Structure formats: structure tokens, C-alpha cells
Amino acid sequence: MNSNSQSANSADTYSQRLADIVGTAIALLTLTLPVFVIAHYSSTNVQNNQQPLIQNLQESKD
């Protein structure tokens, strides 16, 4: 009876370890995949045409 309980115990340990590995993989994908997708689809040729706000305020006072 002891040998049977030991094999059940090792199966529980294996499934727990597998669950930890799968959970870690899912967590890493959840954290890193959006960053890579945003970096891949973001445009590198974006021009910054915004003028400083201070300059616009000074021009409107004149």
C-alpha cells in the first residue's frame, strides 16, 4: 500500500511541476508578447509636428 501512495505522490509532484512551468510560460507570454507586437506594428517614420505649447501661448497674447 505504501508503494501505491508513493507513486500517487510522485504523480502529484509531476503535475504540480508541469502546472508551474505552464503557468510561468503563460505569464511570460502575457507580459512580453504585447510589447513585441506593439514594437513590430509601430511605425518608425512618425514625424513629430507638434509645436511647443509655450510658443503657442505667447503668440496668442500678441
PDB file of N, CA and C in Angstrom:
ATOM      1  N   MET A   1       0.814  -1.182   0.000  1.00  0.00           N
ATOM      2  CA  MET A   1       0.000   0.000   0.000  1.00  0.00           C
ATOM      3  C   MET A   1       0.873   1.268   0.000  1.00  0.00           C
ATOM      4  N   ASN A   2       2.034   1.193   0.646  1.00  0.00           N
ATOM      5  CA  ASN A   2       2.928   2.331   0.649  1.00  0.00           C
ATOM      6  C   ASN A   2       3.467   2.640  -0.736  1.00  0.00           C
ATOM      7  N   SER A   3       3.789   1.625  -1.512  1.00  0.00           N
ATOM      8  CA  SER A   3       4.311   1.859  -2.851  1.00  0.00           C
ATOM      9  C   SER A   3       3.266   2.533  -3.730  1.00  0.00           C
ATOM     10  N   ASN A   4       2.011   2.203  -3.546  1.00  0.00           N
ATOM     11  CA  ASN A   4       0.947   2.824  -4.316  1.00  0.00           C
ATOM     12  C   ASN A   4       0.799   4.307  -3.942  1.00  0.00           C
ATOM     13  N   SER A   5       0.887   4.621  -2.691  1.00  0.00           N
ATOM     14  CA  SER A   5       0.751   6.014  -2.276  1.00  0.00           C
ATOM     15  C   SER A   5       1.965   6.832  -2.715  1.00  0.00           C
ATOM     16  N   GLN A   6       3.133   6.204  -2.792  1.00  0.00           N
ATOM     17  CA  GLN A   6       4.313   6.914  -3.256  1.00  0.00           C
ATOM     18  C   GLN A   6       4.194   7.256  -4.740  1.00  0.00           C
ATOM     19  N   SER A   7       3.656   6.360  -5.545  1.00  0.00           N
ATOM     20  CA  SER A   7       3.510   6.651  -6.970  1.00  0.00           C
ATOM     21  C   SER A   7       2.460   7.728  -7.188  1.00  0.00           C
ATOM     22  N   ALA A   8       1.422   7.747  -6.387  1.00  0.00           N
ATOM     23  CA  ALA A   8       0.423   8.807  -6.488  1.00  0.00           C
ATOM     24  C   ALA A   8       1.033  10.142  -6.075  1.00  0.00           C
ATOM     25  N   ASN A   9       1.897  10.091  -5.081  1.00  0.00           N
ATOM     26  CA  ASN A   9       2.560  11.298  -4.622  1.00  0.00           C
ATOM     27  C   ASN A   9       3.489  11.863  -5.695  1.00  0.00           C
ATOM     28  N   SER A  10       4.233  11.021  -6.379  1.00  0.00           N
ATOM     29  CA  SER A  10       5.137  11.487  -7.424  1.00  0.00           C
ATOM     30  C   SER A  10       4.351  12.006  -8.623  1.00  0.00           C
ATOM     31  N   ALA A  11       3.194  11.416  -8.911  1.00  0.00           N
ATOM     32  CA  ALA A  11       2.354  11.911  -9.999  1.00  0.00           C
ATOM     33  C   ALA A  11       1.827  13.301  -9.661  1.00  0.00           C
ATOM     34  N   ASP A  12       1.461  13.512  -8.390  1.00  0.00           N
ATOM     35  CA  ASP A  12       1.015  14.838  -7.968  1.00  0.00           C
ATOM     36  C   ASP A  12       2.144  15.854  -8.074  1.00  0.00           C
ATOM     37  N   THR A  13       3.358  15.435  -7.699  1.00  0.00           N
ATOM     38  CA  THR A  13       4.502  16.324  -7.796  1.00  0.00           C
ATOM     39  C   THR A  13       4.793  16.674  -9.252  1.00  0.00           C
ATOM     40  N   TYR A  14       4.704  15.690 -10.139  1.00  0.00           N
ATOM     41  CA  TYR A  14       4.938  15.931 -11.565  1.00  0.00           C
ATOM     42  C   TYR A  14       3.896  16.878 -12.131  1.00  0.00           C
ATOM     43  N   SER A  15       2.625  16.653 -11.804  1.00  0.00           N
ATOM     44  CA  SER A  15       1.573  17.520 -12.347  1.00  0.00           C
ATOM     45  C   SER A  15       1.684  18.925 -11.767  1.00  0.00           C
ATOM     46  N   GLN A  16       2.103  19.041 -10.515  1.00  0.00           N
ATOM     47  CA  GLN A  16       2.294  20.365  -9.915  1.00  0.00           C
ATOM     48  C   GLN A  16       3.439  21.098 -10.604  1.00  0.00           C
ATOM     49  N   ARG A  17       4.514  20.380 -10.867  1.00  0.00           N
ATOM     50  CA  ARG A  17       5.665  20.996 -11.546  1.00  0.00           C
ATOM     51  C   ARG A  17       5.295  21.400 -12.969  1.00  0.00           C
ATOM     52  N   LEU A  18       4.555  20.545 -13.655  1.00  0.00           N
ATOM     53  CA  LEU A  18       4.114  20.873 -15.009  1.00  0.00           C
ATOM     54  C   LEU A  18       3.197  22.096 -14.997  1.00  0.00           C
ATOM     55  N   ALA A  19       2.313  22.169 -14.014  1.00  0.00           N
ATOM     56  CA  ALA A  19       1.424  23.324 -13.902  1.00  0.00           C
ATOM     57  C   ALA A  19       2.220  24.598 -13.636  1.00  0.00           C
ATOM     58  N   ASP A  20       3.271  24.516 -12.836  1.00  0.00           N
ATOM     59  CA  ASP A  20       4.127  25.675 -12.570  1.00  0.00           C
ATOM     60  C   ASP A  20       4.831  26.140 -13.844  1.00  0.00           C
ATOM     61  N   ILE A  21       5.327  25.200 -14.627  1.00  0.00           N
ATOM     62  CA  ILE A  21       6.033  25.548 -15.857  1.00  0.00           C
ATOM     63  C   ILE A  21       5.071  26.165 -16.871  1.00  0.00           C
ATOM     64  N   VAL A  22       3.903  25.567 -17.031  1.00  0.00           N
ATOM     65  CA  VAL A  22       2.910  26.110 -17.972  1.00  0.00           C
ATOM     66  C   VAL A  22       2.445  27.488 -17.509  1.00  0.00           C
ATOM     67  N   GLY A  23       2.213  27.655 -16.221  1.00  0.00           N
ATOM     68  CA  GLY A  23       1.796  28.949 -15.695  1.00  0.00           C
ATOM     69  C   GLY A  23       2.850  30.018 -15.898  1.00  0.00           C
ATOM     70  N   THR A  24       4.105  29.655 -15.699  1.00  0.00           N
ATOM     71  CA  THR A  24       5.193  30.601 -15.927  1.00  0.00           C
ATOM     72  C   THR A  24       5.290  30.981 -17.400  1.00  0.00           C
ATOM     73  N   ALA A  25       5.141  30.016 -18.283  1.00  0.00           N
ATOM     74  CA  ALA A  25       5.185  30.302 -19.719  1.00  0.00           C
ATOM     75  C   ALA A  25       4.042  31.230 -20.132  1.00  0.00           C
ATOM     76  N   ILE A  26       2.856  30.990 -19.610  1.00  0.00           N
ATOM     77  CA  ILE A  26       1.717  31.852 -19.931  1.00  0.00           C
ATOM     78  C   ILE A  26       1.950  33.265 -19.396  1.00  0.00           C
ATOM     79  N   ALA A  27       2.478  33.374 -18.190  1.00  0.00           N
ATOM     80  CA  ALA A  27       2.749  34.695 -17.617  1.00  0.00           C
ATOM     81  C   ALA A  27       3.784  35.452 -18.442  1.00  0.00           C
ATOM     82  N   LEU A  28       4.846  34.775 -18.852  1.00  0.00           N
ATOM     83  CA  LEU A  28       5.871  35.438 -19.661  1.00  0.00           C
ATOM     84  C   LEU A  28       5.326  35.874 -21.017  1.00  0.00           C
ATOM     85  N   LEU A  29       4.522  35.039 -21.640  1.00  0.00           N
ATOM     86  CA  LEU A  29       3.906  35.420 -22.908  1.00  0.00           C
ATOM     87  C   LEU A  29       2.971  36.604 -22.733  1.00  0.00           C
ATOM     88  N   THR A  30       2.207  36.603 -21.660  1.00  0.00           N
ATOM     89  CA  THR A  30       1.274  37.697 -21.409  1.00  0.00           C
ATOM     90  C   THR A  30       2.006  39.012 -21.210  1.00  0.00           C
ATOM     91  N   LEU A  31       3.175  38.964 -20.599  1.00  0.00           N
ATOM     92  CA  LEU A  31       3.912  40.191 -20.344  1.00  0.00           C
ATOM     93  C   LEU A  31       4.748  40.657 -21.532  1.00  0.00           C
ATOM     94  N   THR A  32       5.290  39.730 -22.302  1.00  0.00           N
ATOM     95  CA  THR A  32       6.218  40.124 -23.360  1.00  0.00           C
ATOM     96  C   THR A  32       5.588  40.217 -24.743  1.00  0.00           C
ATOM     97  N   LEU A  33       4.600  39.403 -25.027  1.00  0.00           N
ATOM     98  CA  LEU A  33       4.021  39.393 -26.372  1.00  0.00           C
ATOM     99  C   LEU A  33       3.433  40.741 -26.780  1.00  0.00           C
ATOM    100  N   PRO A  34       2.679  41.434 -25.932  1.00  0.00           N
ATOM    101  CA  PRO A  34       2.167  42.751 -26.348  1.00  0.00           C
ATOM    102  C   PRO A  34       3.274  43.741 -26.682  1.00  0.00           C
ATOM    103  N   VAL A  35       4.368  43.701 -25.952  1.00  0.00           N
ATOM    104  CA  VAL A  35       5.477  44.618 -26.229  1.00  0.00           C
ATOM    105  C   VAL A  35       6.058  44.342 -27.611  1.00  0.00           C
ATOM    106  N   PHE A  36       6.255  43.082 -27.945  1.00  0.00           N
ATOM    107  CA  PHE A  36       6.798  42.752 -29.259  1.00  0.00           C
ATOM    108  C   PHE A  36       5.814  43.078 -30.382  1.00  0.00           C
ATOM    109  N   VAL A  37       4.542  42.851 -30.160  1.00  0.00           N
ATOM    110  CA  VAL A  37       3.541  43.161 -31.185  1.00  0.00           C
ATOM    111  C   VAL A  37       3.474  44.662 -31.412  1.00  0.00           C
ATOM    112  N   ILE A  38       3.458  45.447 -30.350  1.00  0.00           N
ATOM    113  CA  ILE A  38       3.421  46.910 -30.493  1.00  0.00           C
ATOM    114  C   ILE A  38       4.686  47.401 -31.186  1.00  0.00           C
ATOM    115  N   ALA A  39       5.834  46.861 -30.817  1.00  0.00           N
ATOM    116  CA  ALA A  39       7.085  47.279 -31.446  1.00  0.00           C
ATOM    117  C   ALA A  39       7.111  46.900 -32.925  1.00  0.00           C
ATOM    118  N   HIS A  40       6.536  45.766 -33.263  1.00  0.00           N
ATOM    119  CA  HIS A  40       6.548  45.319 -34.654  1.00  0.00           C
ATOM    120  C   HIS A  40       5.639  46.172 -35.527  1.00  0.00           C
ATOM    121  N   TYR A  41       4.468  46.523 -35.028  1.00  0.00           N
ATOM    122  CA  TYR A  41       3.495  47.245 -35.845  1.00  0.00           C
ATOM    123  C   TYR A  41       3.589  48.760 -35.715  1.00  0.00           C
ATOM    124  N   SER A  42       4.391  49.272 -34.815  1.00  0.00           N
ATOM    125  CA  SER A  42       4.510  50.719 -34.705  1.00  0.00           C
ATOM    126  C   SER A  42       5.385  51.237 -35.836  1.00  0.00           C
ATOM    127  N   SER A  43       5.040  52.404 -36.303  1.00  0.00           N
ATOM    128  CA  SER A  43       5.762  52.984 -37.420  1.00  0.00           C
ATOM    129  C   SER A  43       7.022  53.675 -36.923  1.00  0.00           C
ATOM    130  N   THR A  44       8.110  53.488 -37.630  1.00  0.00           N
ATOM    131  CA  THR A  44       9.360  54.141 -37.246  1.00  0.00           C
ATOM    132  C   THR A  44       9.522  55.477 -37.959  1.00  0.00           C
ATOM    133  N   ASN A  45       8.645  55.800 -38.909  1.00  0.00           N
ATOM    134  CA  ASN A  45       8.758  57.031 -39.679  1.00  0.00           C
ATOM    135  C   ASN A  45       7.750  58.079 -39.231  1.00  0.00           C
ATOM    136  N   VAL A  46       7.392  58.090 -37.984  1.00  0.00           N
ATOM    137  CA  VAL A  46       6.449  59.070 -37.472  1.00  0.00           C
ATOM    138  C   VAL A  46       7.175  60.382 -37.262  1.00  0.00           C
ATOM    139  N   GLN A  47       6.607  61.470 -37.825  1.00  0.00           N
ATOM    140  CA  GLN A  47       7.210  62.782 -37.653  1.00  0.00           C
ATOM    141  C   GLN A  47       6.500  63.507 -36.521  1.00  0.00           C
ATOM    142  N   ASN A  48       7.260  64.227 -35.731  1.00  0.00           N
ATOM    143  CA  ASN A  48       6.696  64.981 -34.625  1.00  0.00           C
ATOM    144  C   ASN A  48       6.455  66.410 -35.090  1.00  0.00           C
ATOM    145  N   ASN A  49       5.205  66.725 -35.436  1.00  0.00           N
ATOM    146  CA  ASN A  49       4.854  68.052 -35.931  1.00  0.00           C
ATOM    147  C   ASN A  49       4.243  68.925 -34.846  1.00  0.00           C
ATOM    148  N   GLN A  50       4.270  68.482 -33.626  1.00  0.00           N
ATOM    149  CA  GLN A  50       3.666  69.228 -32.535  1.00  0.00           C
ATOM    150  C   GLN A  50       4.591  70.362 -32.117  1.00  0.00           C
ATOM    151  N   GLN A  51       4.026  71.565 -32.027  1.00  0.00           N
ATOM    152  CA  GLN A  51       4.810  72.716 -31.596  1.00  0.00           C
ATOM    153  C   GLN A  51       4.701  72.849 -30.088  1.00  0.00           C
ATOM    154  N   PRO A  52       5.692  73.466 -29.482  1.00  0.00           N
ATOM    155  CA  PRO A  52       5.636  73.641 -28.026  1.00  0.00           C
ATOM    156  C   PRO A  52       4.449  74.502 -27.614  1.00  0.00           C
ATOM    157  N   LEU A  53       3.843  74.175 -26.502  1.00  0.00           N
ATOM    158  CA  LEU A  53       2.670  74.881 -26.016  1.00  0.00           C
ATOM    159  C   LEU A  53       3.010  76.307 -25.606  1.00  0.00           C
ATOM    160  N   ILE A  54       4.197  76.529 -25.082  1.00  0.00           N
ATOM    161  CA  ILE A  54       4.598  77.866 -24.624  1.00  0.00           C
ATOM    162  C   ILE A  54       4.659  78.823 -25.805  1.00  0.00           C
ATOM    163  N   GLN A  55       5.159  78.382 -26.923  1.00  0.00           N
ATOM    164  CA  GLN A  55       5.244  79.226 -28.096  1.00  0.00           C
ATOM    165  C   GLN A  55       3.841  79.615 -28.562  1.00  0.00           C
ATOM    166  N   ASN A  56       2.901  78.698 -28.541  1.00  0.00           N
ATOM    167  CA  ASN A  56       1.545  78.991 -28.974  1.00  0.00           C
ATOM    168  C   ASN A  56       0.882  79.984 -28.030  1.00  0.00           C
ATOM    169  N   LEU A  57       1.125  79.889 -26.735  1.00  0.00           N
ATOM    170  CA  LEU A  57       0.537  80.836 -25.773  1.00  0.00           C
ATOM    171  C   LEU A  57       1.103  82.226 -25.956  1.00  0.00           C
ATOM    172  N   GLN A  58       2.392  82.335 -26.213  1.00  0.00           N
ATOM    173  CA  GLN A  58       2.995  83.650 -26.401  1.00  0.00           C
ATOM    174  C   GLN A  58       2.489  84.309 -27.684  1.00  0.00           C
ATOM    175  N   GLU A  59       2.259  83.561 -28.720  1.00  0.00           N
ATOM    176  CA  GLU A  59       1.761  84.119 -29.964  1.00  0.00           C
ATOM    177  C   GLU A  59       0.330  84.608 -29.809  1.00  0.00           C
ATOM    178  N   SER A  60      -0.475  83.940 -28.996  1.00  0.00           N
ATOM    179  CA  SER A  60      -1.856  84.350 -28.852  1.00  0.00           C
ATOM    180  C   SER A  60      -1.994  85.614 -28.013  1.00  0.00           C
ATOM    181  N   LYS A  61      -1.001  85.973 -27.187  1.00  0.00           N
ATOM    182  CA  LYS A  61      -1.050  87.189 -26.389  1.00  0.00           C
ATOM    183  C   LYS A  61      -0.774  88.430 -27.240  1.00  0.00           C
ATOM    184  N   ASP A  62      -0.026  88.274 -28.321  1.00  0.00           N
ATOM    185  CA  ASP A  62       0.363  89.439 -29.154  1.00  0.00           C
ATOM    186  C   ASP A  62      -0.787  90.010 -29.899  1.00  0.00           C
TER     187      ASP A  62
END
